[in-house]
Protein backbone atom coordinates (compact mmCIF):
# COMPACT_ATOMS: atom_id res chain seq x y z
CA MET A 1 2.82 23.21 -14.58
CA ILE A 2 1.76 25.47 -11.82
CA LYS A 3 3.91 25.80 -8.92
CA GLU A 4 4.22 27.95 -5.79
CA GLY A 5 4.82 31.12 -6.41
CA ASP A 6 3.22 31.73 -9.80
CA THR A 7 0.82 33.98 -10.80
CA VAL A 8 -2.75 32.89 -12.87
CA HIS A 9 -5.24 34.65 -13.80
CA LEU A 10 -8.67 33.11 -12.75
CA ARG A 11 -11.58 33.59 -14.66
CA SER A 12 -14.85 33.05 -14.65
CA LYS A 13 -18.15 34.13 -17.16
CA LYS A 14 -18.47 37.73 -14.54
CA ASN A 15 -15.37 37.85 -12.89
CA SER A 16 -11.13 37.85 -13.17
CA PHE A 17 -9.06 37.32 -10.17
CA PHE A 18 -5.06 38.14 -10.46
CA VAL A 19 -3.67 35.40 -7.75
CA LYS A 20 0.06 34.93 -6.44
CA VAL A 21 -0.54 30.34 -5.42
CA GLU A 22 0.64 29.57 -2.16
CA LYS A 23 0.50 26.71 0.16
CA GLY A 24 -2.17 27.15 2.69
CA LYS A 25 -3.64 30.09 1.41
CA ILE A 26 -7.60 30.32 0.75
CA PHE A 27 -8.83 33.21 -2.10
CA GLY A 28 -12.22 34.43 -1.13
CA THR A 29 -14.31 35.66 -3.86
CA HIS A 30 -18.42 36.80 -3.71
CA LYS A 31 -19.15 33.03 -5.44
CA GLY A 32 -16.98 31.34 -2.72
CA ASN A 33 -13.65 30.52 -2.22
CA ILE A 34 -10.25 29.22 -3.59
CA ASN A 35 -8.10 26.95 -2.28
CA LEU A 36 -4.99 27.92 -4.00
CA GLU A 37 -2.93 25.45 -2.90
CA GLU A 38 -4.86 23.22 -4.86
CA LEU A 39 -3.52 24.35 -8.04
CA ILE A 40 -0.30 23.20 -7.94
CA GLY A 41 0.71 20.63 -10.24
CA LYS A 42 -2.31 21.04 -12.52
CA GLU A 43 -1.78 22.80 -15.72
CA TYR A 44 -3.22 25.85 -17.05
CA GLY A 45 -6.19 25.70 -18.90
CA SER A 46 -7.24 24.06 -16.17
CA ILE A 47 -10.83 24.45 -14.09
CA ILE A 48 -10.73 24.37 -10.27
CA LYS A 49 -13.95 25.40 -8.22
CA THR A 50 -15.30 27.47 -4.72
CA HIS A 51 -16.48 25.67 -2.43
CA LYS A 52 -19.56 26.37 -3.89
CA GLY A 53 -19.30 25.04 -6.72
CA GLU A 54 -18.62 27.96 -8.50
CA GLU A 55 -16.11 27.64 -11.86
CA PHE A 56 -12.61 29.12 -12.54
CA LEU A 57 -10.09 29.04 -16.34
CA VAL A 58 -6.59 28.79 -14.61
CA LEU A 59 -4.71 31.08 -16.81
CA LYS A 60 -1.33 32.05 -17.58
CA PRO A 61 -1.70 35.95 -17.38
CA SER A 62 0.71 38.15 -19.53
CA LEU A 63 3.24 40.98 -18.55
CA PHE A 64 0.12 43.09 -19.76
CA GLU A 65 -2.11 41.26 -17.99
CA ILE A 66 -0.79 42.16 -15.24
CA ILE A 67 -0.12 44.92 -15.29
CA MET A 68 -3.18 46.63 -16.71
CA PHE A 69 -5.47 44.45 -14.69
CA GLY A 70 -3.51 42.52 -12.50
CA ILE A 71 -1.69 45.56 -9.67
CA LYS A 72 -3.21 47.78 -7.05
CA ARG A 73 -2.98 51.27 -8.85
CA GLN A 74 -2.17 54.21 -6.40
CA THR A 75 -1.09 56.57 -8.73
CA GLN A 76 -1.17 57.55 -12.62
CA ILE A 77 0.71 54.08 -14.15
CA ILE A 78 3.23 54.63 -17.65
CA TYR A 79 0.89 52.43 -19.82
CA PRO A 80 2.06 49.55 -21.94
CA LYS A 81 2.06 51.25 -25.36
CA ASP A 82 4.53 53.63 -23.36
CA SER A 83 6.95 51.22 -21.28
CA ALA A 84 7.42 48.94 -24.16
CA TYR A 85 8.84 51.61 -26.31
CA ILE A 86 10.95 52.76 -23.11
CA THR A 87 12.59 49.32 -22.91
CA ILE A 88 13.67 49.79 -25.81
CA LYS A 89 15.13 53.37 -25.95
CA LEU A 90 17.15 52.89 -23.06
CA GLY A 91 18.38 50.02 -24.54
CA LEU A 92 17.75 47.78 -21.93
CA THR A 93 19.03 43.91 -21.21
CA ASP A 94 20.90 41.73 -19.15
CA GLY A 95 22.83 42.88 -16.52
CA MET A 96 22.62 46.39 -16.58
CA LYS A 97 22.11 48.74 -13.37
CA VAL A 98 18.71 50.82 -13.98
CA LEU A 99 17.66 54.22 -11.84
CA GLU A 100 13.90 55.01 -11.67
CA SER A 101 12.77 58.02 -9.57
CA GLY A 102 9.07 58.39 -9.20
CA VAL A 103 7.97 54.77 -8.67
CA GLY A 104 4.10 54.95 -8.34
CA SER A 105 2.69 51.99 -8.69
CA GLY A 106 5.67 50.30 -10.36
CA ALA A 107 4.45 49.31 -13.61
CA LEU A 108 7.00 50.77 -15.36
CA SER A 109 9.14 49.26 -12.96
CA ILE A 110 8.34 45.92 -14.05
CA VAL A 111 9.02 45.95 -17.17
CA MET A 112 12.37 47.22 -17.04
CA ALA A 113 12.86 44.35 -14.73
CA ASN A 114 11.99 41.97 -17.02
CA ALA A 115 14.39 43.39 -19.62
CA VAL A 116 17.60 43.27 -17.15
CA LYS A 117 16.69 40.28 -15.30
CA PRO A 118 18.51 37.84 -13.95
CA ASN A 119 21.32 39.88 -13.58
CA GLY A 120 20.23 43.33 -13.55
CA LYS A 121 18.53 45.21 -11.13
CA ILE A 122 16.15 48.74 -11.02
CA TYR A 123 16.96 51.17 -8.71
CA GLY A 124 14.12 53.05 -7.50
CA PHE A 125 13.81 56.23 -5.74
CA GLU A 126 10.80 56.98 -4.31
CA LYS A 127 9.98 60.63 -2.55
CA GLU A 128 6.41 59.11 -1.06
CA GLU A 129 7.19 56.55 1.23
CA LYS A 130 3.92 55.53 1.44
CA TYR A 131 3.49 54.30 -2.24
CA ILE A 132 6.24 52.25 -1.49
CA PRO A 133 4.81 48.63 0.02
CA LYS A 134 2.13 48.27 -2.56
CA VAL A 135 5.22 49.02 -5.04
CA TYR A 136 6.99 46.17 -3.32
CA GLU A 137 3.73 44.16 -3.50
CA ASN A 138 2.83 44.87 -7.97
CA ILE A 139 5.97 44.11 -8.64
CA SER A 140 5.60 40.66 -6.02
CA LEU A 141 2.43 39.69 -8.13
CA ALA A 142 5.46 39.16 -11.84
CA GLY A 143 7.32 37.62 -10.19
CA LEU A 144 10.44 40.61 -10.24
CA GLU A 145 11.01 41.58 -6.82
CA LYS A 146 14.11 39.72 -7.00
CA TYR A 147 15.26 42.64 -9.28
CA VAL A 148 13.70 45.78 -8.10
CA GLU A 149 15.41 47.67 -5.47
CA ILE A 150 13.29 50.96 -3.76
CA LYS A 151 14.70 53.56 -1.11
CA HIS A 152 12.76 56.10 0.06
CA GLN A 153 14.93 59.06 -1.59
CA SER A 154 14.72 62.28 -3.76
CA LEU A 155 16.15 63.16 -6.27
CA GLU A 156 16.92 66.40 -4.10
CA GLU A 157 19.50 64.17 -2.36
CA LYS A 158 22.87 62.99 -4.18
CA LEU A 159 22.59 59.39 -5.74
CA PRO A 160 25.71 57.12 -6.83
CA GLU A 161 28.03 58.27 -8.96
CA ASN A 162 28.71 56.75 -12.37
CA PHE A 163 26.79 54.22 -11.05
CA PHE A 164 23.38 53.55 -13.77
CA ASP A 165 24.21 52.34 -17.34
CA ALA A 166 20.65 54.01 -17.89
CA GLY A 167 17.57 55.58 -15.95
CA PHE A 168 14.39 56.94 -16.55
CA ILE A 169 12.69 59.82 -14.54
CA ASP A 170 8.89 60.24 -13.64
CA VAL A 171 8.75 63.51 -11.35
CA ARG A 172 6.97 67.32 -11.44
CA GLU A 173 9.93 68.44 -12.30
CA PRO A 174 12.78 66.99 -13.62
CA TRP A 175 15.27 69.92 -14.54
CA LEU A 176 15.53 71.32 -11.18
CA TYR A 177 17.72 67.57 -11.13
CA ILE A 178 19.67 67.65 -14.37
CA GLU A 179 22.95 67.55 -12.26
CA ASN A 180 22.73 64.90 -9.56
CA ILE A 181 21.12 62.27 -12.72
CA LYS A 182 23.82 62.78 -14.73
CA ASN A 183 26.74 62.30 -12.29
CA SER A 184 24.62 59.05 -11.70
CA LEU A 185 25.29 58.24 -14.89
CA LYS A 186 27.52 56.14 -16.93
CA SER A 187 29.14 57.78 -19.96
CA GLY A 188 26.86 57.82 -22.39
CA ALA A 189 24.23 56.00 -20.73
CA ASN A 190 20.79 56.16 -21.72
CA LEU A 191 17.94 58.41 -20.14
CA GLY A 192 14.52 58.76 -20.27
CA PHE A 193 11.90 61.54 -18.64
CA LEU A 194 8.08 61.47 -19.10
CA VAL A 195 5.64 64.50 -18.20
CA PRO A 196 2.45 65.22 -19.45
CA THR A 197 2.57 69.27 -20.74
CA THR A 198 4.47 71.04 -23.77
CA ASN A 199 5.61 73.49 -21.10
CA GLN A 200 7.35 71.02 -18.72
CA VAL A 201 8.90 69.54 -22.10
CA SER A 202 10.24 72.92 -22.47
CA LEU A 203 12.03 73.73 -19.60
CA LEU A 204 14.08 70.13 -19.17
CA LEU A 205 15.20 70.64 -22.16
CA ASP A 206 16.67 73.83 -21.86
CA GLU A 207 18.24 72.32 -18.81
CA LEU A 208 19.70 69.21 -20.80
CA LYS A 209 20.94 70.67 -23.30
CA ASN A 210 22.81 73.53 -21.03
CA HIS A 211 24.08 69.80 -19.44
CA ASN A 212 25.55 68.53 -22.35
CA PHE A 213 23.07 65.62 -23.16
CA LEU A 214 23.10 64.32 -26.67
CA GLN A 215 21.00 62.77 -28.97
CA LEU A 216 17.80 64.58 -27.28
CA GLU A 217 14.26 64.17 -28.61
CA VAL A 218 10.13 64.43 -27.44
CA VAL A 219 7.93 61.15 -28.83
CA GLU A 220 4.09 61.48 -27.65
CA LEU A 221 2.50 58.01 -28.85
CA LEU A 222 -1.17 57.18 -29.26
CA GLU A 223 -2.47 53.78 -29.02
CA ARG A 224 -6.35 53.32 -31.44
CA HIS A 225 -7.67 49.55 -31.07
CA TYR A 226 -9.99 48.30 -33.81
CA LYS A 227 -13.11 46.50 -32.87
CA PRO A 228 -12.24 42.57 -34.42
CA VAL A 229 -15.90 42.26 -36.23
CA PRO A 230 -14.81 41.12 -39.81
CA ASP A 231 -18.12 42.23 -41.29
CA ARG A 232 -17.48 45.65 -39.78
CA LEU A 233 -14.16 46.52 -39.20
CA ARG A 234 -13.39 49.88 -37.07
CA PRO A 235 -11.90 51.91 -34.90
CA GLU A 236 -13.48 51.71 -31.04
CA ASP A 237 -14.99 54.77 -30.14
CA ARG A 238 -12.59 55.44 -27.67
CA MET A 239 -8.90 55.70 -27.98
CA VAL A 240 -5.39 56.05 -25.55
CA ALA A 241 -4.60 59.59 -26.80
CA HIS A 242 -2.09 61.49 -25.00
CA THR A 243 -0.76 59.92 -21.71
CA GLY A 244 2.30 62.10 -21.73
CA TYR A 245 5.58 63.08 -23.43
CA LEU A 246 8.53 60.89 -23.42
CA ILE A 247 11.97 62.63 -23.60
CA PHE A 248 15.00 60.77 -24.47
CA ALA A 249 19.02 61.63 -24.43
CA LYS A 250 22.06 60.82 -23.99
CA LYS A 251 24.80 61.30 -21.93
CA GLY A 252 28.32 62.06 -23.45
CA ILE A 253 31.38 61.53 -22.07
CA SER A 254 31.69 63.30 -18.68
């Protein structure tokens, strides 16, 4: 059953919307208005009509759909093909405290928060204050706002020491802040980065080695979809290729 506060996917033949169900709220479309309160108590898979009679199918969205089609992007996001791998590589699980810097639009925050709930939390440090309100809005759409806390702070400023169980950094020059990041991590904590160019990778690897990080790894993930036509199965004409280089390391004993 649909409850107040749930995010639903409203889908017609030509339109698709992701909205949070709230009492007393009217959602406007060019095909008419939808009284969202009428969705409370309905089953997913139901049909709701606008005041003009246009029908929308009410579906339960996955995190993938919310990230790819629901959230509002104000920066380039970390795609699920990368964020899922990041989450596993960092070993994220219930109860962990996770450092994130370079929060952007909150796509990675959503995936990581889903992994550490209900007792863990993502601590985001974002240099650009203008991004933060939209990040909270996006995370709320995924229903994970209780598990994310964002501060307007650059990595140039001191982080809490020996506090985080893992961390992920997506900023332009991460090698400048390795000492601060290292001090904030517990011994043995996994740390990840995303950078778009190979020269950035080289600079980062040098600095990680200088600070005695262990198990350095560089990986690039490619994603190729196939046309789902049984008689003419073949790759799609376009694919999600390079989105960034992922670098992983582990903090040694302090």
